[in-house]
Amino acid sequence: DGIVIANSTPKGRHNWFGRICHDPEWSHHGPVPSHRCPRVGAEFLALERKAWPASVFAQEYGAEFMEEINQVYPASIVMAAVDDEACKQEPGKLMTVIGVDLAKLQDFTVMTVLGLLPVPDDTPALLQTESPPAIWAVVEKVVHQRLAYPTLRAILGDLIGKWRPSRVLVDRSGVGEGFVDEMQLEFPAIEGVATGVMKTKLDLVHHLKAMFEQHLLRIPN
């Protein structure tokens, strides 16, 4: 047996160092923020505080475990959406939509099936008659890398046959243009969506974040 001494500046909670610093089975000696170190002057820290966003300063000099600085969706709202039971749905039992993001080079192609969850039996009658908010669940996700487009078309065709979606949205930016055109020959209902414009991407990011915050999305663990 031996010992491990881990000494580091925090960088979010969801990594090895973040986990062991919150694990009671490990012995903890800290945190030690920079102002407690005699070798770090107050004048220097004052300049750094002005130079960096508050969250970055708190992480780098305050030894605080912040949400990941560049994280688009805070871990708290993502974890609140985890619901394995809600995501276990049978094909043919609910309305579905499929979204496809095609890969370039080393990237991953992702096909996501969203299912519209039924209104729970214990929902008050008043809400049932006044159109309760739509709650979606990720009922299937397919991820591939370095597959030829004919193979991806076959995989998407199988998903469509399995879930019978009301809509199939495919990113037609870049390599998706020809993919959409060929798929539409067999599945005319497929829609090409141009997401290459920055404003469109930001709108999608903000809309998804709103769904997380309003608890309108369920995802598997």
Protein backbone atom coordinates (compact mmCIF):
# COMPACT_ATOMS: atom_id res chain seq x y z
CA ASP A 1 0.00 0.00 0.00
CA GLY A 2 1.01 3.60 -0.52
CA ILE A 3 -0.35 7.10 -0.32
CA VAL A 4 -1.52 9.60 -2.93
CA ILE A 5 -1.01 13.31 -2.34
CA ALA A 6 -3.20 15.36 -4.68
CA ASN A 7 -2.54 19.09 -4.73
CA SER A 8 -4.28 21.17 -7.37
CA THR A 9 -6.34 24.21 -8.23
CA PRO A 10 -9.99 23.16 -8.63
CA LYS A 11 -11.47 22.89 -12.10
CA GLY A 12 -15.12 22.08 -11.61
CA ARG A 13 -16.57 19.23 -9.57
CA HIS A 14 -17.02 16.57 -12.23
CA ASN A 15 -13.50 15.18 -12.50
CA TRP A 16 -11.17 12.97 -10.45
CA PHE A 17 -9.82 15.77 -8.25
CA GLY A 18 -13.26 17.25 -7.66
CA ARG A 19 -14.67 13.88 -6.64
CA ILE A 20 -11.94 12.97 -4.15
CA CYS A 21 -12.12 16.42 -2.54
CA HIS A 22 -15.75 15.70 -1.67
CA ASP A 23 -15.24 12.03 -0.79
CA PRO A 24 -15.24 11.44 3.00
CA GLU A 25 -13.00 8.39 2.55
CA TRP A 26 -10.13 10.71 1.58
CA SER A 27 -8.22 12.82 4.10
CA HIS A 28 -8.63 16.52 3.25
CA HIS A 29 -6.25 19.36 4.09
CA GLY A 30 -7.80 22.51 2.68
CA PRO A 31 -8.99 24.38 0.84
CA VAL A 32 -6.17 26.92 1.00
CA PRO A 33 -7.10 30.11 -0.89
CA SER A 34 -4.29 32.28 -2.19
CA HIS A 35 -4.78 35.04 0.37
CA ARG A 36 -3.66 32.58 3.07
CA CYS A 37 -0.36 32.00 1.31
CA PRO A 38 2.32 34.46 2.50
CA ARG A 39 4.08 34.26 -0.87
CA VAL A 40 1.06 35.70 -2.73
CA GLY A 41 0.71 39.44 -2.16
CA ALA A 42 -2.55 41.32 -1.66
CA GLU A 43 -1.66 43.79 -4.42
CA PHE A 44 -1.19 40.98 -6.91
CA LEU A 45 -4.54 39.42 -5.94
CA ALA A 46 -6.27 42.80 -6.30
CA LEU A 47 -4.96 43.11 -9.85
CA GLU A 48 -6.00 39.55 -10.69
CA ARG A 49 -9.48 40.12 -9.29
CA LYS A 50 -9.93 43.00 -11.74
CA ALA A 51 -8.52 41.03 -14.65
CA TRP A 52 -10.73 37.95 -14.41
CA PRO A 53 -14.45 37.16 -14.13
CA ALA A 54 -15.56 36.52 -10.56
CA SER A 55 -16.07 32.80 -11.21
CA VAL A 56 -12.56 32.37 -12.63
CA PHE A 57 -10.96 34.31 -9.78
CA ALA A 58 -12.89 32.25 -7.21
CA GLN A 59 -11.62 29.05 -8.81
CA GLU A 60 -8.01 30.04 -9.46
CA TYR A 61 -7.30 32.04 -6.30
CA GLY A 62 -10.14 31.20 -3.93
CA ALA A 63 -9.79 27.41 -4.26
CA GLU A 64 -13.55 27.15 -4.84
CA PHE A 65 -15.15 24.29 -6.74
CA MET A 66 -17.24 26.21 -9.26
CA GLU A 67 -19.36 24.87 -12.06
CA GLU A 68 -17.13 24.30 -15.07
CA ILE A 69 -16.25 27.79 -16.31
CA ASN A 70 -17.02 27.10 -19.97
CA GLN A 71 -19.96 24.80 -19.28
CA VAL A 72 -23.05 25.83 -21.25
CA TYR A 73 -25.48 23.93 -19.05
CA PRO A 74 -24.84 23.95 -15.28
CA ALA A 75 -24.44 20.43 -13.93
CA SER A 76 -27.22 21.02 -11.41
CA ILE A 77 -29.95 21.49 -14.03
CA VAL A 78 -28.66 18.61 -16.16
CA MET A 79 -28.58 16.17 -13.24
CA ALA A 80 -32.08 17.27 -12.21
CA ALA A 81 -33.30 16.06 -15.62
CA VAL A 82 -31.95 12.51 -15.18
CA ASP A 83 -34.86 10.06 -15.08
CA ASP A 84 -34.13 6.56 -16.34
CA GLU A 85 -37.69 5.34 -15.83
CA ALA A 86 -39.21 8.15 -17.90
CA CYS A 87 -36.78 7.35 -20.71
CA LYS A 88 -37.77 3.66 -20.86
CA GLN A 89 -40.57 3.88 -23.41
CA GLU A 90 -41.80 1.35 -25.94
CA PRO A 91 -41.99 2.22 -29.64
CA GLY A 92 -45.49 2.92 -30.88
CA LYS A 93 -46.77 4.11 -27.51
CA LEU A 94 -46.04 7.84 -27.80
CA MET A 95 -45.37 10.63 -30.29
CA THR A 96 -41.71 10.96 -31.22
CA VAL A 97 -39.32 13.27 -33.02
CA ILE A 98 -35.85 12.36 -34.28
CA GLY A 99 -32.96 14.80 -34.49
CA VAL A 100 -29.73 14.07 -36.37
CA ASP A 101 -26.38 15.85 -36.11
CA LEU A 102 -23.95 14.56 -38.73
CA ALA A 103 -20.22 14.24 -38.10
CA LYS A 104 -17.29 15.73 -39.93
CA LEU A 105 -13.93 13.97 -39.85
CA GLN A 106 -13.19 13.02 -36.20
CA ASP A 107 -16.53 14.18 -34.82
CA PHE A 108 -19.46 11.97 -33.80
CA THR A 109 -22.78 11.49 -35.57
CA VAL A 110 -25.60 11.59 -33.03
CA MET A 111 -29.21 10.53 -33.63
CA THR A 112 -31.58 11.34 -30.77
CA VAL A 113 -35.16 10.15 -30.40
CA LEU A 114 -37.39 12.35 -28.23
CA GLY A 115 -40.70 11.03 -26.97
CA LEU A 116 -43.59 13.18 -25.76
CA LEU A 117 -44.49 11.83 -22.33
CA PRO A 118 -48.16 11.26 -21.49
CA VAL A 119 -49.84 13.38 -18.85
CA PRO A 120 -49.44 11.59 -15.47
CA ASP A 121 -52.59 10.03 -14.04
CA ASP A 122 -52.29 12.14 -10.89
CA THR A 123 -52.27 15.45 -12.82
CA PRO A 124 -55.12 17.67 -11.57
CA ALA A 125 -58.08 17.77 -13.94
CA LEU A 126 -57.74 21.53 -14.34
CA LEU A 127 -54.25 21.17 -15.79
CA GLN A 128 -55.37 18.33 -18.04
CA THR A 129 -57.99 20.52 -19.68
CA GLU A 130 -55.76 23.56 -20.01
CA SER A 131 -53.00 21.92 -22.09
CA PRO A 132 -50.26 21.06 -19.58
CA PRO A 133 -46.70 21.81 -20.73
CA ALA A 134 -45.13 19.26 -23.07
CA ILE A 135 -42.52 17.12 -21.34
CA TRP A 136 -40.09 15.23 -23.56
CA ALA A 137 -37.80 12.30 -22.82
CA VAL A 138 -34.74 11.00 -24.65
CA VAL A 139 -35.98 7.49 -25.39
CA GLU A 140 -33.08 6.42 -27.61
CA LYS A 141 -29.71 7.82 -28.64
CA VAL A 142 -27.39 6.43 -31.30
CA VAL A 143 -23.78 7.63 -31.50
CA HIS A 144 -21.31 6.61 -34.22
CA GLN A 145 -17.92 7.72 -35.47
CA ARG A 146 -16.27 7.15 -38.83
CA LEU A 147 -19.18 5.38 -40.48
CA ALA A 148 -19.86 5.76 -44.18
CA TYR A 149 -22.95 7.78 -45.02
CA PRO A 150 -24.75 4.82 -46.66
CA THR A 151 -24.42 2.99 -43.34
CA LEU A 152 -25.71 6.03 -41.42
CA ARG A 153 -28.67 6.29 -43.79
CA ALA A 154 -29.52 2.65 -43.07
CA ILE A 155 -29.27 3.23 -39.30
CA LEU A 156 -31.54 6.28 -39.52
CA GLY A 157 -33.97 4.31 -41.67
CA ASP A 158 -34.14 1.62 -38.98
CA LEU A 159 -34.82 4.27 -36.30
CA ILE A 160 -37.61 5.76 -38.38
CA GLY A 161 -39.16 2.33 -38.90
CA LYS A 162 -38.90 1.55 -35.20
CA TRP A 163 -40.27 4.79 -33.72
CA ARG A 164 -42.48 6.13 -36.55
CA PRO A 165 -41.66 9.76 -35.70
CA SER A 166 -43.90 12.67 -36.59
CA ARG A 167 -40.83 14.68 -37.63
CA VAL A 168 -37.21 13.92 -38.52
CA LEU A 169 -34.88 16.91 -38.34
CA VAL A 170 -31.41 16.58 -39.90
CA ASP A 171 -28.67 19.20 -39.77
CA ARG A 172 -28.07 19.91 -43.44
CA SER A 173 -25.13 22.28 -42.86
CA GLY A 174 -22.00 21.17 -44.70
CA VAL A 175 -21.95 17.41 -45.26
CA GLY A 176 -25.64 17.11 -44.39
CA GLU A 177 -26.85 18.68 -47.63
CA GLY A 178 -26.44 15.57 -49.79
CA PHE A 179 -27.45 13.27 -46.92
CA VAL A 180 -30.81 15.03 -46.54
CA ASP A 181 -31.49 15.03 -50.28
CA GLU A 182 -30.88 11.27 -50.55
CA MET A 183 -32.88 10.43 -47.41
CA GLN A 184 -35.83 12.46 -48.67
CA LEU A 185 -36.09 10.17 -51.68
CA GLU A 186 -37.05 7.34 -49.31
CA PHE A 187 -38.54 9.38 -46.44
CA PRO A 188 -40.10 12.56 -47.86
CA ALA A 189 -41.03 13.81 -44.37
CA ILE A 190 -37.37 14.37 -43.43
CA GLU A 191 -36.62 18.05 -42.85
CA GLY A 192 -33.24 19.67 -43.36
CA VAL A 193 -32.31 22.26 -40.74
CA ALA A 194 -29.48 24.73 -41.30
CA THR A 195 -27.65 25.17 -37.99
CA GLY A 196 -24.42 26.58 -39.40
CA VAL A 197 -25.45 30.17 -38.62
CA MET A 198 -24.20 31.30 -35.21
CA LYS A 199 -27.53 32.88 -34.26
CA THR A 200 -29.33 29.62 -35.00
CA LYS A 201 -26.88 27.68 -32.82
CA LEU A 202 -27.28 30.14 -29.97
CA ASP A 203 -31.07 29.93 -30.25
CA LEU A 204 -30.88 26.14 -30.00
CA VAL A 205 -28.56 26.33 -26.99
CA HIS A 206 -30.80 28.83 -25.19
CA HIS A 207 -33.95 26.85 -25.97
CA LEU A 208 -32.45 23.63 -24.62
CA LYS A 209 -31.24 25.42 -21.49
CA ALA A 210 -34.76 26.77 -20.93
CA MET A 211 -36.15 23.23 -21.22
CA PHE A 212 -33.69 22.03 -18.58
CA GLU A 213 -34.52 24.93 -16.26
CA GLN A 214 -38.27 24.44 -16.66
CA HIS A 215 -38.01 20.65 -16.14
CA LEU A 216 -39.47 19.93 -19.56
CA LEU A 217 -36.85 17.35 -20.54
CA ARG A 218 -35.93 13.94 -19.15
CA ILE A 219 -32.62 12.27 -19.99
CA PRO A 220 -31.11 8.86 -19.13
CA ASN A 221 -28.22 8.56 -16.74
